[in-house]
PDB file of N, CA and C in Angstrom:
ATOM      1  N   UNK A   1       1.569 -20.311  89.932  1.00  0.00           N
ATOM      2  CA  UNK A   1       1.317 -19.055  88.987  1.00  0.00           C
ATOM      3  C   UNK A   1      -0.058 -18.911  88.699  1.00  0.00           C
ATOM      4  N   UNK A   2      -0.339 -17.908  89.347  1.00  0.00           N
ATOM      5  CA  UNK A   2      -1.869 -17.111  88.934  1.00  0.00           C
ATOM      6  C   UNK A   2      -2.137 -16.973  87.869  1.00  0.00           C
ATOM      7  N   UNK A   3      -3.191 -16.932  87.308  1.00  0.00           N
ATOM      8  CA  UNK A   3      -3.377 -16.535  86.193  1.00  0.00           C
ATOM      9  C   UNK A   3      -4.010 -14.909  85.986  1.00  0.00           C
ATOM     10  N   UNK A   4      -3.666 -14.344  84.984  1.00  0.00           N
ATOM     11  CA  UNK A   4      -3.942 -12.788  84.570  1.00  0.00           C
ATOM     12  C   UNK A   4      -5.286 -12.254  85.573  1.00  0.00           C
ATOM     13  N   UNK A   5      -6.418 -12.978  85.125  1.00  0.00           N
ATOM     14  CA  UNK A   5      -7.684 -12.529  85.678  1.00  0.00           C
ATOM     15  C   UNK A   5      -7.744 -12.778  86.961  1.00  0.00           C
ATOM     16  N   UNK A   6      -7.023 -14.059  87.488  1.00  0.00           N
ATOM     17  CA  UNK A   6      -7.312 -13.756  89.240  1.00  0.00           C
ATOM     18  C   UNK A   6      -6.262 -12.819  89.877  1.00  0.00           C
ATOM     19  N   UNK A   7      -5.187 -12.614  89.237  1.00  0.00           N
ATOM     20  CA  UNK A   7      -4.350 -11.500  90.062  1.00  0.00           C
ATOM     21  C   UNK A   7      -4.789  -9.826  89.730  1.00  0.00           C
ATOM     22  N   UNK A   8      -5.610  -9.906  88.347  1.00  0.00           N
ATOM     23  CA  UNK A   8      -6.237  -8.315  88.422  1.00  0.00           C
ATOM     24  C   UNK A   8      -7.134  -8.254  89.455  1.00  0.00           C
ATOM     25  N   UNK A   9      -8.487  -9.457  89.474  1.00  0.00           N
ATOM     26  CA  UNK A   9      -9.431  -9.220  90.167  1.00  0.00           C
ATOM     27  C   UNK A   9      -8.990  -9.123  91.830  1.00  0.00           C
ATOM     28  N   UNK A  10      -8.021 -10.150  92.201  1.00  0.00           N
ATOM     29  CA  UNK A  10      -7.566  -9.922  93.378  1.00  0.00           C
ATOM     30  C   UNK A  10      -7.083  -8.019  93.820  1.00  0.00           C
ATOM     31  N   UNK A  11      -6.320  -7.704  92.880  1.00  0.00           N
ATOM     32  CA  UNK A  11      -5.913  -6.323  93.131  1.00  0.00           C
ATOM     33  C   UNK A  11      -7.088  -5.329  93.207  1.00  0.00           C
ATOM     34  N   UNK A  12      -8.002  -5.773  92.127  1.00  0.00           N
ATOM     35  CA  UNK A  12      -9.037  -4.706  92.018  1.00  0.00           C
ATOM     36  C   UNK A  12     -10.028  -4.684  93.252  1.00  0.00           C
ATOM     37  N   UNK A  13      -9.709  -5.942  94.231  1.00  0.00           N
ATOM     38  CA  UNK A  13     -10.900  -6.266  95.270  1.00  0.00           C
ATOM     39  C   UNK A  13     -10.870  -4.890  96.626  1.00  0.00           C
ATOM     40  N   UNK A  14      -9.541  -4.558  96.586  1.00  0.00           N
ATOM     41  CA  UNK A  14      -9.351  -3.113  97.462  1.00  0.00           C
ATOM     42  C   UNK A  14      -9.910  -2.111  96.952  1.00  0.00           C
ATOM     43  N   UNK A  15     -10.676  -1.296  97.844  1.00  0.00           N
ATOM     44  CA  UNK A  15     -11.285  -0.005  97.463  1.00  0.00           C
ATOM     45  C   UNK A  15      -9.599   0.919  97.268  1.00  0.00           C
ATOM     46  N   UNK A  16      -9.045   1.137  98.301  1.00  0.00           N
ATOM     47  CA  UNK A  16      -8.206   1.866  98.059  1.00  0.00           C
ATOM     48  C   UNK A  16      -7.001   1.935  97.046  1.00  0.00           C
ATOM     49  N   UNK A  17      -7.133   0.431  96.168  1.00  0.00           N
ATOM     50  CA  UNK A  17      -6.148   0.221  94.925  1.00  0.00           C
ATOM     51  C   UNK A  17      -7.313   0.736  93.754  1.00  0.00           C
ATOM     52  N   UNK A  18      -8.462   0.446  93.958  1.00  0.00           N
ATOM     53  CA  UNK A  18      -9.253   1.045  92.894  1.00  0.00           C
ATOM     54  C   UNK A  18      -9.115   2.767  92.852  1.00  0.00           C
ATOM     55  N   UNK A  19      -9.346   3.104  94.103  1.00  0.00           N
ATOM     56  CA  UNK A  19      -8.874   4.997  93.961  1.00  0.00           C
ATOM     57  C   UNK A  19      -7.469   5.102  93.510  1.00  0.00           C
ATOM     58  N   UNK A  20      -6.669   4.657  94.099  1.00  0.00           N
ATOM     59  CA  UNK A  20      -5.320   4.717  93.243  1.00  0.00           C
ATOM     60  C   UNK A  20      -5.630   4.659  91.730  1.00  0.00           C
ATOM     61  N   UNK A  21      -6.055   3.578  91.011  1.00  0.00           N
ATOM     62  CA  UNK A  21      -6.206   3.426  89.531  1.00  0.00           C
ATOM     63  C   UNK A  21      -7.264   4.152  89.170  1.00  0.00           C
ATOM     64  N   UNK A  22      -7.865   4.977  89.985  1.00  0.00           N
ATOM     65  CA  UNK A  22      -8.888   5.858  89.477  1.00  0.00           C
ATOM     66  C   UNK A  22      -8.269   7.226  89.190  1.00  0.00           C
ATOM     67  N   UNK A  23      -7.202   7.300  89.838  1.00  0.00           N
ATOM     68  CA  UNK A  23      -6.594   8.883  90.205  1.00  0.00           C
ATOM     69  C   UNK A  23      -5.487   8.589  88.861  1.00  0.00           C
ATOM     70  N   UNK A  24      -4.905   7.407  88.609  1.00  0.00           N
ATOM     71  CA  UNK A  24      -3.868   6.990  87.518  1.00  0.00           C
ATOM     72  C   UNK A  24      -4.803   7.440  86.109  1.00  0.00           C
ATOM     73  N   UNK A  25      -5.932   7.402  86.283  1.00  0.00           N
ATOM     74  CA  UNK A  25      -6.660   7.144  84.984  1.00  0.00           C
ATOM     75  C   UNK A  25      -6.898   8.501  84.445  1.00  0.00           C
ATOM     76  N   UNK A  26      -6.566   9.617  85.205  1.00  0.00           N
ATOM     77  CA  UNK A  26      -6.145  11.093  84.820  1.00  0.00           C
ATOM     78  C   UNK A  26      -4.971  11.795  84.397  1.00  0.00           C
ATOM     79  N   UNK A  27      -4.148  10.572  84.674  1.00  0.00           N
ATOM     80  CA  UNK A  27      -2.532  10.549  84.087  1.00  0.00           C
ATOM     81  C   UNK A  27      -1.743  10.348  85.567  1.00  0.00           C
ATOM     82  N   UNK A  28      -0.381  10.385  84.981  1.00  0.00           N
ATOM     83  CA  UNK A  28       0.898   9.819  85.950  1.00  0.00           C
ATOM     84  C   UNK A  28       0.914  10.473  87.220  1.00  0.00           C
ATOM     85  N   UNK A  29       1.219   9.858  88.384  1.00  0.00           N
ATOM     86  CA  UNK A  29       1.414  10.809  89.457  1.00  0.00           C
ATOM     87  C   UNK A  29       2.365   9.820  90.444  1.00  0.00           C
ATOM     88  N   UNK A  30       3.296  10.474  91.303  1.00  0.00           N
ATOM     89  CA  UNK A  30       4.083  10.083  91.820  1.00  0.00           C
ATOM     90  C   UNK A  30       3.499   9.226  93.237  1.00  0.00           C
ATOM     91  N   UNK A  31       4.131   8.763  93.994  1.00  0.00           N
ATOM     92  CA  UNK A  31       3.412   8.022  95.257  1.00  0.00           C
ATOM     93  C   UNK A  31       3.208   8.978  96.155  1.00  0.00           C
ATOM     94  N   UNK A  32       3.653   9.756  96.471  1.00  0.00           N
ATOM     95  CA  UNK A  32       3.189  11.100  97.428  1.00  0.00           C
ATOM     96  C   UNK A  32       1.975  11.397  96.717  1.00  0.00           C
ATOM     97  N   UNK A  33       1.873  11.803  95.604  1.00  0.00           N
ATOM     98  CA  UNK A  33       0.448  12.612  95.055  1.00  0.00           C
ATOM     99  C   UNK A  33      -0.704  11.339  95.260  1.00  0.00           C
ATOM    100  N   UNK A  34       0.078  10.062  94.900  1.00  0.00           N
ATOM    101  CA  UNK A  34      -1.120   8.842  95.214  1.00  0.00           C
ATOM    102  C   UNK A  34      -1.613   8.966  96.741  1.00  0.00           C
ATOM    103  N   UNK A  35      -0.553   8.867  97.551  1.00  0.00           N
ATOM    104  CA  UNK A  35      -0.784   8.704  99.162  1.00  0.00           C
ATOM    105  C   UNK A  35      -1.812  10.104  99.967  1.00  0.00           C
ATOM    106  N   UNK A  36      -1.644  11.090  99.018  1.00  0.00           N
ATOM    107  CA  UNK A  36      -2.409  12.324  99.506  1.00  0.00           C
ATOM    108  C   UNK A  36      -3.585  12.201 100.102  1.00  0.00           C
ATOM    109  N   UNK A  37      -4.619  11.205  99.694  1.00  0.00           N
ATOM    110  CA  UNK A  37      -6.019  11.674  99.724  1.00  0.00           C
ATOM    111  C   UNK A  37      -6.206  10.363 101.331  1.00  0.00           C
ATOM    112  N   UNK A  38      -5.257   9.496 101.357  1.00  0.00           N
ATOM    113  CA  UNK A  38      -5.315   8.664 102.282  1.00  0.00           C
ATOM    114  C   UNK A  38      -4.613   9.096 103.768  1.00  0.00           C
ATOM    115  N   UNK A  39      -5.077   8.397 104.534  1.00  0.00           N
ATOM    116  CA  UNK A  39      -4.289   8.444 105.923  1.00  0.00           C
ATOM    117  C   UNK A  39      -3.034   7.610 106.125  1.00  0.00           C
ATOM    118  N   UNK A  40      -2.535   6.669 105.117  1.00  0.00           N
ATOM    119  CA  UNK A  40      -1.828   5.810 105.253  1.00  0.00           C
ATOM    120  C   UNK A  40      -0.108   6.171 105.076  1.00  0.00           C
ATOM    121  N   UNK A  41       0.437   5.317 106.054  1.00  0.00           N
ATOM    122  CA  UNK A  41       2.138   5.701 105.776  1.00  0.00           C
ATOM    123  C   UNK A  41       2.343   5.252 104.575  1.00  0.00           C
ATOM    124  N   UNK A  42       3.314   5.874 103.794  1.00  0.00           N
ATOM    125  CA  UNK A  42       4.133   5.930 102.542  1.00  0.00           C
ATOM    126  C   UNK A  42       4.375   4.127 102.542  1.00  0.00           C
ATOM    127  N   UNK A  43       4.768   3.534 103.307  1.00  0.00           N
ATOM    128  CA  UNK A  43       5.008   2.097 103.223  1.00  0.00           C
ATOM    129  C   UNK A  43       3.999   1.487 102.968  1.00  0.00           C
ATOM    130  N   UNK A  44       2.574   1.665 103.510  1.00  0.00           N
ATOM    131  CA  UNK A  44       1.162   1.210 103.166  1.00  0.00           C
ATOM    132  C   UNK A  44       1.063   1.373 101.903  1.00  0.00           C
ATOM    133  N   UNK A  45       0.816   2.530 101.437  1.00  0.00           N
ATOM    134  CA  UNK A  45       0.789   3.101  99.669  1.00  0.00           C
ATOM    135  C   UNK A  45       1.694   2.199  99.051  1.00  0.00           C
ATOM    136  N   UNK A  46       2.766   2.157  99.304  1.00  0.00           N
ATOM    137  CA  UNK A  46       3.935   1.427  98.599  1.00  0.00           C
ATOM    138  C   UNK A  46       3.536  -0.276  98.448  1.00  0.00           C
ATOM    139  N   UNK A  47       2.960  -0.571  99.531  1.00  0.00           N
ATOM    140  CA  UNK A  47       2.555  -2.128  99.309  1.00  0.00           C
ATOM    141  C   UNK A  47       1.361  -2.364  98.653  1.00  0.00           C
ATOM    142  N   UNK A  48       0.459  -1.436  98.336  1.00  0.00           N
ATOM    143  CA  UNK A  48      -0.614  -1.394  97.646  1.00  0.00           C
ATOM    144  C   UNK A  48      -0.058  -1.187  96.168  1.00  0.00           C
ATOM    145  N   UNK A  49       0.856  -0.583  95.883  1.00  0.00           N
ATOM    146  CA  UNK A  49       1.110  -0.094  94.392  1.00  0.00           C
ATOM    147  C   UNK A  49       2.038  -1.294  94.225  1.00  0.00           C
ATOM    148  N   UNK A  50       2.631  -1.982  94.829  1.00  0.00           N
ATOM    149  CA  UNK A  50       3.352  -3.510  94.675  1.00  0.00           C
ATOM    150  C   UNK A  50       2.361  -4.245  93.960  1.00  0.00           C
ATOM    151  N   UNK A  51       0.881  -4.412  94.916  1.00  0.00           N
ATOM    152  CA  UNK A  51       0.240  -5.675  94.201  1.00  0.00           C
ATOM    153  C   UNK A  51      -0.436  -4.701  93.168  1.00  0.00           C
ATOM    154  N   UNK A  52      -0.484  -3.563  92.991  1.00  0.00           N
ATOM    155  CA  UNK A  52      -0.978  -3.191  91.278  1.00  0.00           C
ATOM    156  C   UNK A  52       0.189  -3.366  90.506  1.00  0.00           C
ATOM    157  N   UNK A  53       1.340  -3.166  90.910  1.00  0.00           N
ATOM    158  CA  UNK A  53       2.565  -3.693  89.850  1.00  0.00           C
ATOM    159  C   UNK A  53       2.416  -5.236  89.719  1.00  0.00           C
ATOM    160  N   UNK A  54       2.228  -5.907  90.465  1.00  0.00           N
ATOM    161  CA  UNK A  54       2.206  -7.363  90.213  1.00  0.00           C
ATOM    162  C   UNK A  54       0.901  -7.668  89.334  1.00  0.00           C
ATOM    163  N   UNK A  55       0.064  -6.929  89.150  1.00  0.00           N
ATOM    164  CA  UNK A  55      -0.920  -7.231  88.651  1.00  0.00           C
ATOM    165  C   UNK A  55      -0.887  -6.890  86.919  1.00  0.00           C
ATOM    166  N   UNK A  56       0.216  -6.193  86.817  1.00  0.00           N
ATOM    167  CA  UNK A  56       0.246  -5.304  85.786  1.00  0.00           C
ATOM    168  C   UNK A  56      -0.607  -4.113  85.381  1.00  0.00           C
ATOM    169  N   UNK A  57      -1.401  -3.627  86.473  1.00  0.00           N
ATOM    170  CA  UNK A  57      -2.260  -2.390  86.241  1.00  0.00           C
ATOM    171  C   UNK A  57      -1.192  -0.878  86.663  1.00  0.00           C
ATOM    172  N   UNK A  58      -0.103  -1.094  87.382  1.00  0.00           N
ATOM    173  CA  UNK A  58       0.891   0.001  87.141  1.00  0.00           C
ATOM    174  C   UNK A  58       2.064  -0.371  86.780  1.00  0.00           C
ATOM    175  N   UNK A  59       2.705   0.687  86.306  1.00  0.00           N
ATOM    176  CA  UNK A  59       4.282   1.037  85.948  1.00  0.00           C
ATOM    177  C   UNK A  59       4.632   1.904  86.291  1.00  0.00           C
ATOM    178  N   UNK A  60       5.925   1.490  87.033  1.00  0.00           N
ATOM    179  CA  UNK A  60       6.649   2.968  88.015  1.00  0.00           C
ATOM    180  C   UNK A  60       7.619   3.207  86.673  1.00  0.00           C
ATOM    181  N   UNK A  61       8.030   4.465  86.557  1.00  0.00           N
ATOM    182  CA  UNK A  61       8.949   5.208  85.705  1.00  0.00           C
ATOM    183  C   UNK A  61      10.019   5.561  86.204  1.00  0.00           C
ATOM    184  N   UNK A  62      11.414   5.618  85.661  1.00  0.00           N
ATOM    185  CA  UNK A  62      12.043   6.557  86.168  1.00  0.00           C
ATOM    186  C   UNK A  62      12.703   7.754  85.298  1.00  0.00           C
ATOM    187  N   UNK A  63      12.396   9.210  86.176  1.00  0.00           N
ATOM    188  CA  UNK A  63      12.091  10.428  85.454  1.00  0.00           C
ATOM    189  C   UNK A  63      13.051  11.203  86.582  1.00  0.00           C
ATOM    190  N   UNK A  64      14.304  11.299  86.341  1.00  0.00           N
ATOM    191  CA  UNK A  64      15.021  12.167  86.858  1.00  0.00           C
ATOM    192  C   UNK A  64      15.131  11.695  88.583  1.00  0.00           C
ATOM    193  N   UNK A  65      14.856  12.663  89.390  1.00  0.00           N
ATOM    194  CA  UNK A  65      14.723  12.107  90.939  1.00  0.00           C
ATOM    195  C   UNK A  65      13.072  11.398  91.218  1.00  0.00           C
ATOM    196  N   UNK A  66      12.370  11.598  90.241  1.00  0.00           N
ATOM    197  CA  UNK A  66      10.764  11.286  90.506  1.00  0.00           C
ATOM    198  C   UNK A  66      10.715   9.952  90.003  1.00  0.00           C
ATOM    199  N   UNK A  67       9.506   9.180  90.135  1.00  0.00           N
ATOM    200  CA  UNK A  67       9.406   7.798  89.797  1.00  0.00           C
ATOM    201  C   UNK A  67       7.930   8.087  89.832  1.00  0.00           C
ATOM    202  N   UNK A  68       7.434   8.582  88.654  1.00  0.00           N
ATOM    203  CA  UNK A  68       5.636   8.501  88.640  1.00  0.00           C
ATOM    204  C   UNK A  68       5.373   7.089  88.290  1.00  0.00           C
ATOM    205  N   UNK A  69       3.900   7.300  88.636  1.00  0.00           N
ATOM    206  CA  UNK A  69       3.365   5.957  88.011  1.00  0.00           C
ATOM    207  C   UNK A  69       2.356   6.123  87.235  1.00  0.00           C
ATOM    208  N   UNK A  70       2.289   4.977  86.146  1.00  0.00           N
ATOM    209  CA  UNK A  70       1.272   5.060  85.356  1.00  0.00           C
ATOM    210  C   UNK A  70       0.469   3.823  85.167  1.00  0.00           C
ATOM    211  N   UNK A  71      -0.620   4.110  84.684  1.00  0.00           N
ATOM    212  CA  UNK A  71      -2.183   3.008  84.659  1.00  0.00           C
ATOM    213  C   UNK A  71      -1.727   2.140  83.516  1.00  0.00           C
ATOM    214  N   UNK A  72      -1.869   1.340  83.449  1.00  0.00           N
ATOM    215  CA  UNK A  72      -1.418   0.222  82.549  1.00  0.00           C
ATOM    216  C   UNK A  72      -3.121  -0.341  82.172  1.00  0.00           C
ATOM    217  N   UNK A  73      -3.590  -0.582  81.233  1.00  0.00           N
ATOM    218  CA  UNK A  73      -4.878  -1.047  80.778  1.00  0.00           C
ATOM    219  C   UNK A  73      -5.066  -2.388  80.190  1.00  0.00           C
ATOM    220  N   UNK A  74      -4.048  -3.087  79.850  1.00  0.00           N
ATOM    221  CA  UNK A  74      -3.914  -4.224  79.287  1.00  0.00           C
ATOM    222  C   UNK A  74      -4.882  -5.453  80.293  1.00  0.00           C
ATOM    223  N   UNK A  75      -4.220  -5.462  81.442  1.00  0.00           N
ATOM    224  CA  UNK A  75      -5.117  -6.199  82.466  1.00  0.00           C
ATOM    225  C   UNK A  75      -6.834  -6.031  82.487  1.00  0.00           C
ATOM    226  N   UNK A  76      -6.959  -4.733  82.355  1.00  0.00           N
ATOM    227  CA  UNK A  76      -8.413  -4.076  82.455  1.00  0.00           C
ATOM    228  C   UNK A  76      -9.491  -4.635  81.236  1.00  0.00           C
ATOM    229  N   UNK A  77      -8.387  -4.341  80.107  1.00  0.00           N
ATOM    230  CA  UNK A  77      -9.165  -4.785  78.772  1.00  0.00           C
ATOM    231  C   UNK A  77      -9.713  -6.386  78.734  1.00  0.00           C
ATOM    232  N   UNK A  78      -8.450  -7.187  79.419  1.00  0.00           N
ATOM    233  CA  UNK A  78      -8.727  -8.750  79.471  1.00  0.00           C
ATOM    234  C   UNK A  78      -9.815  -8.980  80.506  1.00  0.00           C
ATOM    235  N   UNK A  79      -9.976  -8.296  81.423  1.00  0.00           N
ATOM    236  CA  UNK A  79     -11.202  -8.480  82.554  1.00  0.00           C
ATOM    237  C   UNK A  79     -12.354  -8.371  81.842  1.00  0.00           C
ATOM    238  N   UNK A  80     -12.420  -6.917  81.162  1.00  0.00           N
ATOM    239  CA  UNK A  80     -13.540  -6.446  80.660  1.00  0.00           C
ATOM    240  C   UNK A  80     -14.463  -7.368  79.304  1.00  0.00           C
ATOM    241  N   UNK A  81     -13.061  -8.116  78.275  1.00  0.00           N
ATOM    242  CA  UNK A  81     -13.196  -8.864  77.442  1.00  0.00           C
ATOM    243  C   UNK A  81     -13.923 -10.071  78.182  1.00  0.00           C
ATOM    244  N   UNK A  82     -13.425 -10.655  79.498  1.00  0.00           N
ATOM    245  CA  UNK A  82     -14.353 -12.021  80.025  1.00  0.00           C
ATOM    246  C   UNK A  82     -15.103 -11.409  80.522  1.00  0.00           C
ATOM    247  N   UNK A  83     -15.696 -10.414  81.397  1.00  0.00           N
ATOM    248  CA  UNK A  83     -17.031 -10.129  81.617  1.00  0.00           C
ATOM    249  C   UNK A  83     -18.130  -9.927  80.386  1.00  0.00           C
ATOM    250  N   UNK A  84     -18.078  -9.315  79.289  1.00  0.00           N
ATOM    251  CA  UNK A  84     -18.584  -9.062  78.249  1.00  0.00           C
ATOM    252  C   UNK A  84     -19.622 -10.112  78.241  1.00  0.00           C
ATOM    253  N   UNK A  85     -19.211 -11.194  78.244  1.00  0.00           N
ATOM    254  CA  UNK A  85     -19.671 -12.730  78.117  1.00  0.00           C
ATOM    255  C   UNK A  85     -20.970 -12.510  79.089  1.00  0.00           C
ATOM    256  N   UNK A  86     -20.820 -12.007  79.915  1.00  0.00           N
ATOM    257  CA  UNK A  86     -21.820 -12.051  81.285  1.00  0.00           C
ATOM    258  C   UNK A  86     -22.292 -10.670  81.289  1.00  0.00           C
ATOM    259  N   UNK A  87     -21.910  -9.968  80.635  1.00  0.00           N
ATOM    260  CA  UNK A  87     -23.204  -8.673  80.532  1.00  0.00           C
ATOM    261  C   UNK A  87     -23.949  -8.955  79.234  1.00  0.00           C
ATOM    262  N   UNK A  88     -23.502  -9.792  78.662  1.00  0.00           N
ATOM    263  CA  UNK A  88     -24.600  -9.958  77.386  1.00  0.00           C
ATOM    264  C   UNK A  88     -25.387 -10.914  77.747  1.00  0.00           C
ATOM    265  N   UNK A  89     -25.236 -11.983  78.626  1.00  0.00           N
ATOM    266  CA  UNK A  89     -26.487 -12.354  79.390  1.00  0.00           C
ATOM    267  C   UNK A  89     -27.383 -12.131  79.966  1.00  0.00           C
ATOM    268  N   UNK A  90     -26.846 -11.262  81.265  1.00  0.00           N
ATOM    269  CA  UNK A  90     -27.569 -10.267  81.966  1.00  0.00           C
ATOM    270  C   UNK A  90     -28.281  -9.553  81.030  1.00  0.00           C
ATOM    271  N   UNK A  91     -27.796  -8.739  80.085  1.00  0.00           N
ATOM    272  CA  UNK A  91     -28.861  -7.851  79.369  1.00  0.00           C
ATOM    273  C   UNK A  91     -29.719  -8.818  78.448  1.00  0.00           C
ATOM    274  N   UNK A  92     -29.538 -10.009  78.160  1.00  0.00           N
ATOM    275  CA  UNK A  92     -30.719 -10.203  77.357  1.00  0.00           C
ATOM    276  C   UNK A  92     -31.530 -10.670  78.609  1.00  0.00           C
ATOM    277  N   UNK A  93     -31.244 -11.256  79.762  1.00  0.00           N
ATOM    278  CA  UNK A  93     -32.216 -11.595  80.864  1.00  0.00           C
ATOM    279  C   UNK A  93     -33.134 -10.112  80.817  1.00  0.00           C
ATOM    280  N   UNK A  94     -32.219  -8.950  81.269  1.00  0.00           N
ATOM    281  CA  UNK A  94     -33.014  -7.976  81.606  1.00  0.00           C
ATOM    282  C   UNK A  94     -34.288  -7.154  80.465  1.00  0.00           C
ATOM    283  N   UNK A  95     -33.582  -7.570  79.411  1.00  0.00           N
ATOM    284  CA  UNK A  95     -34.728  -7.367  78.005  1.00  0.00           C
ATOM    285  C   UNK A  95     -36.000  -8.120  78.352  1.00  0.00           C
ATOM    286  N   UNK A  96     -35.744  -9.575  78.487  1.00  0.00           N
ATOM    287  CA  UNK A  96     -36.629 -10.310  78.508  1.00  0.00           C
ATOM    288  C   UNK A  96     -37.907 -10.083  79.772  1.00  0.00           C
ATOM    289  N   UNK A  97     -36.972  -9.750  80.809  1.00  0.00           N
ATOM    290  CA  UNK A  97     -37.785  -9.323  82.208  1.00  0.00           C
ATOM    291  C   UNK A  97     -38.749  -7.799  82.060  1.00  0.00           C
ATOM    292  N   UNK A  98     -37.793  -7.031  80.814  1.00  0.00           N
ATOM    293  CA  UNK A  98     -38.657  -5.767  80.602  1.00  0.00           C
ATOM    294  C   UNK A  98     -40.284  -6.020  79.894  1.00  0.00           C
ATOM    295  N   UNK A  99     -39.665  -6.914  78.748  1.00  0.00           N
ATOM    296  CA  UNK A  99     -40.692  -7.156  77.941  1.00  0.00           C
ATOM    297  C   UNK A  99     -42.058  -8.089  78.741  1.00  0.00           C
ATOM    298  N   UNK A 100     -41.678  -8.619  79.664  1.00  0.00           N
ATOM    299  CA  UNK A 100     -42.797  -9.453  80.678  1.00  0.00           C
ATOM    300  C   UNK A 100     -43.733  -8.289  81.536  1.00  0.00           C
ATOM    301  N   UNK A 101     -42.668  -7.383  82.134  1.00  0.00           N
ATOM    302  CA  UNK A 101     -43.473  -6.362  83.214  1.00  0.00           C
ATOM    303  C   UNK A 101     -44.189  -5.540  82.252  1.00  0.00           C
ATOM    304  N   UNK A 102     -43.811  -5.117  80.657  1.00  0.00           N
ATOM    305  CA  UNK A 102     -44.538  -4.107  80.164  1.00  0.00           C
ATOM    306  C   UNK A 102     -45.845  -4.791  79.569  1.00  0.00           C
ATOM    307  N   UNK A 103     -45.914  -6.441  79.357  1.00  0.00           N
ATOM    308  CA  UNK A 103     -46.925  -7.155  78.924  1.00  0.00           C
ATOM    309  C   UNK A 103     -47.672  -7.170  79.978  1.00  0.00           C
ATOM    310  N   UNK A 104     -47.450  -7.359  81.194  1.00  0.00           N
ATOM    311  CA  UNK A 104     -48.340  -7.394  82.508  1.00  0.00           C
ATOM    312  C   UNK A 104     -48.820  -6.001  82.769  1.00  0.00           C
ATOM    313  N   UNK A 105     -48.015  -4.889  82.974  1.00  0.00           N
ATOM    314  CA  UNK A 105     -48.638  -3.870  82.857  1.00  0.00           C
ATOM    315  C   UNK A 105     -49.661  -3.326  81.814  1.00  0.00           C
ATOM    316  N   UNK A 106     -49.436  -3.825  80.459  1.00  0.00           N
ATOM    317  CA  UNK A 106     -50.688  -3.564  79.401  1.00  0.00           C
ATOM    318  C   UNK A 106     -52.048  -3.961  79.820  1.00  0.00           C
ATOM    319  N   UNK A 107     -51.864  -5.905  80.465  1.00  0.00           N
ATOM    320  CA  UNK A 107     -52.843  -6.246  80.591  1.00  0.00           C
ATOM    321  C   UNK A 107     -53.544  -5.830  82.122  1.00  0.00           C
ATOM    322  N   UNK A 108     -52.840  -5.303  82.994  1.00  0.00           N
ATOM    323  CA  UNK A 108     -53.305  -4.651  84.196  1.00  0.00           C
ATOM    324  C   UNK A 108     -54.143  -3.321  83.574  1.00  0.00           C
ATOM    325  N   UNK A 109     -53.798  -2.438  82.944  1.00  0.00           N
ATOM    326  CA  UNK A 109     -54.125  -1.483  82.255  1.00  0.00           C
ATOM    327  C   UNK A 109     -55.616  -1.479  81.383  1.00  0.00           C
ATOM    328  N   UNK A 110     -55.340  -2.793  80.980  1.00  0.00           N
ATOM    329  CA  UNK A 110     -56.767  -2.855  79.967  1.00  0.00           C
ATOM    330  C   UNK A 110     -57.951  -3.974  81.003  1.00  0.00           C
ATOM    331  N   UNK A 111     -57.618  -4.046  82.218  1.00  0.00           N
ATOM    332  CA  UNK A 111     -58.418  -5.141  83.292  1.00  0.00           C
ATOM    333  C   UNK A 111     -58.209  -6.306  83.200  1.00  0.00           C
ATOM    334  N   UNK A 112     -57.401  -6.841  82.411  1.00  0.00           N
ATOM    335  CA  UNK A 112     -57.142  -8.126  82.345  1.00  0.00           C
ATOM    336  C   UNK A 112     -56.382  -9.152  83.211  1.00  0.00           C
ATOM    337  N   UNK A 113     -56.552  -8.621  84.676  1.00  0.00           N
ATOM    338  CA  UNK A 113     -55.932  -9.312  85.578  1.00  0.00           C
ATOM    339  C   UNK A 113     -55.607 -10.764  85.446  1.00  0.00           C
TER     340      UNK A 113
END
């Protein structure tokens, strides 16, 4: 069994699935509504949705004859928490680089090559 992060990132690896999640971030949508911007067949869209469902990123609901899909954010929150440590690492690196560049530019402005 894969861990949640691996499943989440595997689902996010495809641009079509990311586009579907972006659409669902605006609110629930049916499979037909999710398929509209693509030139894919409905079975292809359904396969993408199954990957998103397996990753816990999408939930299908039953509402009369419709089955709207909803975005589930818990796996994204977990991925964001995991990425936070790297964001902090790179942020501190960029801050040090910025300070070094400013010091270099200040020396250059004073003619201290």
